[in-house]
Amino acid sequence: MRKVEITREPVELYKILKFEGLVTTGGEAKLLIADGQVTVNGEIETRRRKKIVNGDVIEFSGEKLQMQLV
């Protein structure tokens, strides 16, 4: 599991996928989220603007990311 440092919370889900390089654009991230391909804390998440906070775990395409507030 990869730790992702965030400097503020909340952060929108699609932005994390984009900034961490899991997708190339925000639009691509939004489509994949709406399609049910992303989980947050073990549950399928279809809200693109889901607010992500410290400790949340995002899973997409075999990769797990844990948010860590710094």
N, C-alpha and C. Protein backbone atom coordinates (compact mmCIF):
# COMPACT_ATOMS: atom_id res chain seq x y z
N MET A 1 0.85 -1.18 0.00
CA MET A 1 0.00 0.00 0.00
C MET A 1 0.89 1.24 0.00
N ARG A 2 0.58 2.14 -0.89
CA ARG A 2 1.36 3.37 -1.03
C ARG A 2 0.72 4.48 -0.19
N LYS A 3 1.55 5.18 0.57
CA LYS A 3 1.09 6.33 1.36
C LYS A 3 1.08 7.57 0.48
N VAL A 4 0.01 8.33 0.56
CA VAL A 4 -0.11 9.57 -0.20
C VAL A 4 -0.26 10.70 0.80
N GLU A 5 0.68 11.62 0.77
CA GLU A 5 0.62 12.75 1.70
C GLU A 5 -0.27 13.84 1.13
N ILE A 6 -1.20 14.28 1.96
CA ILE A 6 -2.07 15.41 1.59
C ILE A 6 -1.84 16.52 2.60
N THR A 7 -1.88 17.75 2.12
CA THR A 7 -1.59 18.87 3.01
C THR A 7 -2.86 19.53 3.56
N ARG A 8 -3.99 19.15 2.97
CA ARG A 8 -5.27 19.67 3.46
C ARG A 8 -6.32 18.61 3.21
N GLU A 9 -7.40 18.73 3.91
CA GLU A 9 -8.52 17.83 3.66
C GLU A 9 -9.81 18.62 3.75
N PRO A 10 -10.85 18.23 3.06
CA PRO A 10 -10.90 17.06 2.18
C PRO A 10 -10.33 17.36 0.79
N VAL A 11 -10.03 16.28 0.06
CA VAL A 11 -9.59 16.36 -1.33
C VAL A 11 -10.56 15.52 -2.15
N GLU A 12 -10.94 16.02 -3.32
CA GLU A 12 -11.89 15.27 -4.15
C GLU A 12 -11.23 14.04 -4.75
N LEU A 13 -11.96 12.95 -4.78
CA LEU A 13 -11.46 11.65 -5.23
C LEU A 13 -10.80 11.72 -6.60
N TYR A 14 -11.45 12.34 -7.57
CA TYR A 14 -10.90 12.33 -8.93
C TYR A 14 -9.54 13.04 -9.00
N LYS A 15 -9.34 14.04 -8.14
CA LYS A 15 -8.07 14.77 -8.14
C LYS A 15 -6.92 13.89 -7.65
N ILE A 16 -7.19 13.04 -6.69
CA ILE A 16 -6.15 12.15 -6.19
C ILE A 16 -5.71 11.18 -7.27
N LEU A 17 -6.67 10.59 -7.99
CA LEU A 17 -6.32 9.68 -9.08
C LEU A 17 -5.47 10.38 -10.13
N LYS A 18 -5.81 11.62 -10.42
CA LYS A 18 -5.06 12.38 -11.43
C LYS A 18 -3.67 12.75 -10.92
N PHE A 19 -3.58 13.33 -9.75
CA PHE A 19 -2.29 13.80 -9.24
C PHE A 19 -1.33 12.66 -8.91
N GLU A 20 -1.85 11.49 -8.61
CA GLU A 20 -0.99 10.34 -8.31
C GLU A 20 -0.61 9.57 -9.57
N GLY A 21 -1.06 10.05 -10.73
CA GLY A 21 -0.65 9.45 -12.00
C GLY A 21 -1.34 8.16 -12.36
N LEU A 22 -2.47 7.86 -11.71
CA LEU A 22 -3.21 6.63 -12.03
C LEU A 22 -4.05 6.80 -13.30
N VAL A 23 -4.35 8.04 -13.64
CA VAL A 23 -5.05 8.39 -14.88
C VAL A 23 -4.36 9.62 -15.46
N THR A 24 -4.62 9.89 -16.74
CA THR A 24 -3.93 11.02 -17.36
C THR A 24 -4.69 12.34 -17.24
N THR A 25 -6.02 12.27 -17.12
CA THR A 25 -6.80 13.51 -17.02
C THR A 25 -7.88 13.37 -15.95
N GLY A 26 -8.36 14.52 -15.51
CA GLY A 26 -9.47 14.52 -14.55
C GLY A 26 -10.73 13.93 -15.16
N GLY A 27 -10.93 14.18 -16.46
CA GLY A 27 -12.10 13.62 -17.15
C GLY A 27 -12.07 12.10 -17.18
N GLU A 28 -10.90 11.55 -17.42
CA GLU A 28 -10.75 10.08 -17.41
C GLU A 28 -11.05 9.53 -16.02
N ALA A 29 -10.55 10.21 -14.99
CA ALA A 29 -10.80 9.79 -13.61
C ALA A 29 -12.29 9.78 -13.31
N LYS A 30 -12.98 10.84 -13.72
CA LYS A 30 -14.42 10.95 -13.46
C LYS A 30 -15.19 9.82 -14.13
N LEU A 31 -14.82 9.46 -15.36
CA LEU A 31 -15.49 8.36 -16.07
C LEU A 31 -15.28 7.02 -15.37
N LEU A 32 -14.04 6.75 -14.95
CA LEU A 32 -13.73 5.49 -14.28
C LEU A 32 -14.44 5.38 -12.93
N ILE A 33 -14.52 6.49 -12.21
CA ILE A 33 -15.23 6.50 -10.93
C ILE A 33 -16.71 6.24 -11.16
N ALA A 34 -17.31 6.95 -12.11
CA ALA A 34 -18.74 6.78 -12.41
C ALA A 34 -19.05 5.36 -12.86
N ASP A 35 -18.07 4.70 -13.47
CA ASP A 35 -18.23 3.32 -13.95
C ASP A 35 -18.07 2.29 -12.84
N GLY A 36 -17.77 2.74 -11.60
CA GLY A 36 -17.66 1.83 -10.47
C GLY A 36 -16.34 1.09 -10.39
N GLN A 37 -15.28 1.65 -10.96
CA GLN A 37 -13.98 0.97 -10.97
C GLN A 37 -13.07 1.38 -9.81
N VAL A 38 -13.57 2.22 -8.91
CA VAL A 38 -12.75 2.72 -7.80
C VAL A 38 -13.45 2.39 -6.49
N THR A 39 -12.66 1.95 -5.49
CA THR A 39 -13.24 1.74 -4.17
C THR A 39 -12.58 2.69 -3.17
N VAL A 40 -13.37 3.09 -2.18
CA VAL A 40 -12.88 3.91 -1.08
C VAL A 40 -13.23 3.16 0.19
N ASN A 41 -12.22 2.85 0.98
CA ASN A 41 -12.40 2.09 2.23
C ASN A 41 -13.17 0.79 1.99
N GLY A 42 -12.85 0.11 0.87
CA GLY A 42 -13.41 -1.20 0.58
C GLY A 42 -14.79 -1.20 -0.07
N GLU A 43 -15.35 -0.03 -0.33
CA GLU A 43 -16.68 0.05 -0.94
C GLU A 43 -16.60 0.77 -2.28
N ILE A 44 -17.33 0.28 -3.27
CA ILE A 44 -17.36 0.91 -4.58
C ILE A 44 -17.88 2.34 -4.43
N GLU A 45 -17.16 3.27 -5.02
CA GLU A 45 -17.54 4.69 -4.94
C GLU A 45 -17.78 5.22 -6.34
N THR A 46 -18.97 5.77 -6.57
CA THR A 46 -19.30 6.30 -7.90
C THR A 46 -19.43 7.83 -7.90
N ARG A 47 -19.24 8.45 -6.74
CA ARG A 47 -19.29 9.92 -6.67
C ARG A 47 -17.90 10.48 -6.98
N ARG A 48 -17.80 11.20 -8.09
CA ARG A 48 -16.50 11.73 -8.52
C ARG A 48 -15.92 12.72 -7.53
N ARG A 49 -16.80 13.46 -6.92
CA ARG A 49 -16.34 14.51 -6.00
C ARG A 49 -16.40 14.06 -4.54
N LYS A 50 -16.39 12.76 -4.31
CA LYS A 50 -16.35 12.21 -2.96
C LYS A 50 -15.19 12.86 -2.21
N LYS A 51 -15.46 13.33 -1.02
CA LYS A 51 -14.43 13.99 -0.22
C LYS A 51 -13.57 12.94 0.49
N ILE A 52 -12.27 12.99 0.23
CA ILE A 52 -11.31 12.05 0.80
C ILE A 52 -10.58 12.75 1.94
N VAL A 53 -10.44 12.04 3.07
CA VAL A 53 -9.79 12.61 4.25
C VAL A 53 -8.69 11.68 4.75
N ASN A 54 -7.96 12.15 5.74
CA ASN A 54 -6.87 11.40 6.35
C ASN A 54 -7.31 9.97 6.72
N GLY A 55 -6.51 8.99 6.33
CA GLY A 55 -6.78 7.60 6.68
C GLY A 55 -7.58 6.83 5.64
N ASP A 56 -8.24 7.52 4.72
CA ASP A 56 -9.01 6.83 3.68
C ASP A 56 -8.08 6.01 2.80
N VAL A 57 -8.59 4.86 2.34
CA VAL A 57 -7.84 3.99 1.44
C VAL A 57 -8.59 3.90 0.11
N ILE A 58 -7.90 4.27 -0.96
CA ILE A 58 -8.46 4.23 -2.31
C ILE A 58 -7.82 3.06 -3.04
N GLU A 59 -8.64 2.28 -3.74
CA GLU A 59 -8.11 1.18 -4.54
C GLU A 59 -8.60 1.34 -5.97
N PHE A 60 -7.64 1.25 -6.90
CA PHE A 60 -7.96 1.38 -8.31
C PHE A 60 -6.90 0.64 -9.11
N SER A 61 -7.33 -0.19 -10.04
CA SER A 61 -6.43 -0.87 -10.97
C SER A 61 -5.32 -1.62 -10.25
N GLY A 62 -5.67 -2.31 -9.16
CA GLY A 62 -4.71 -3.11 -8.42
C GLY A 62 -3.78 -2.33 -7.51
N GLU A 63 -3.97 -1.05 -7.41
CA GLU A 63 -3.12 -0.20 -6.57
C GLU A 63 -3.92 0.33 -5.39
N LYS A 64 -3.30 0.29 -4.19
CA LYS A 64 -3.95 0.83 -3.00
C LYS A 64 -3.18 2.06 -2.52
N LEU A 65 -3.95 3.10 -2.23
CA LEU A 65 -3.37 4.36 -1.75
C LEU A 65 -4.01 4.71 -0.41
N GLN A 66 -3.18 5.01 0.58
CA GLN A 66 -3.71 5.44 1.88
C GLN A 66 -3.35 6.91 2.09
N MET A 67 -4.36 7.71 2.41
CA MET A 67 -4.15 9.14 2.60
C MET A 67 -3.54 9.40 3.96
N GLN A 68 -2.59 10.33 3.98
CA GLN A 68 -1.91 10.68 5.21
C GLN A 68 -1.76 12.20 5.27
N LEU A 69 -2.43 12.82 6.22
CA LEU A 69 -2.39 14.27 6.37
C LEU A 69 -1.05 14.68 6.99
N VAL A 70 -0.40 15.65 6.35
CA VAL A 70 0.90 16.13 6.89
C VAL A 70 0.78 17.56 7.34
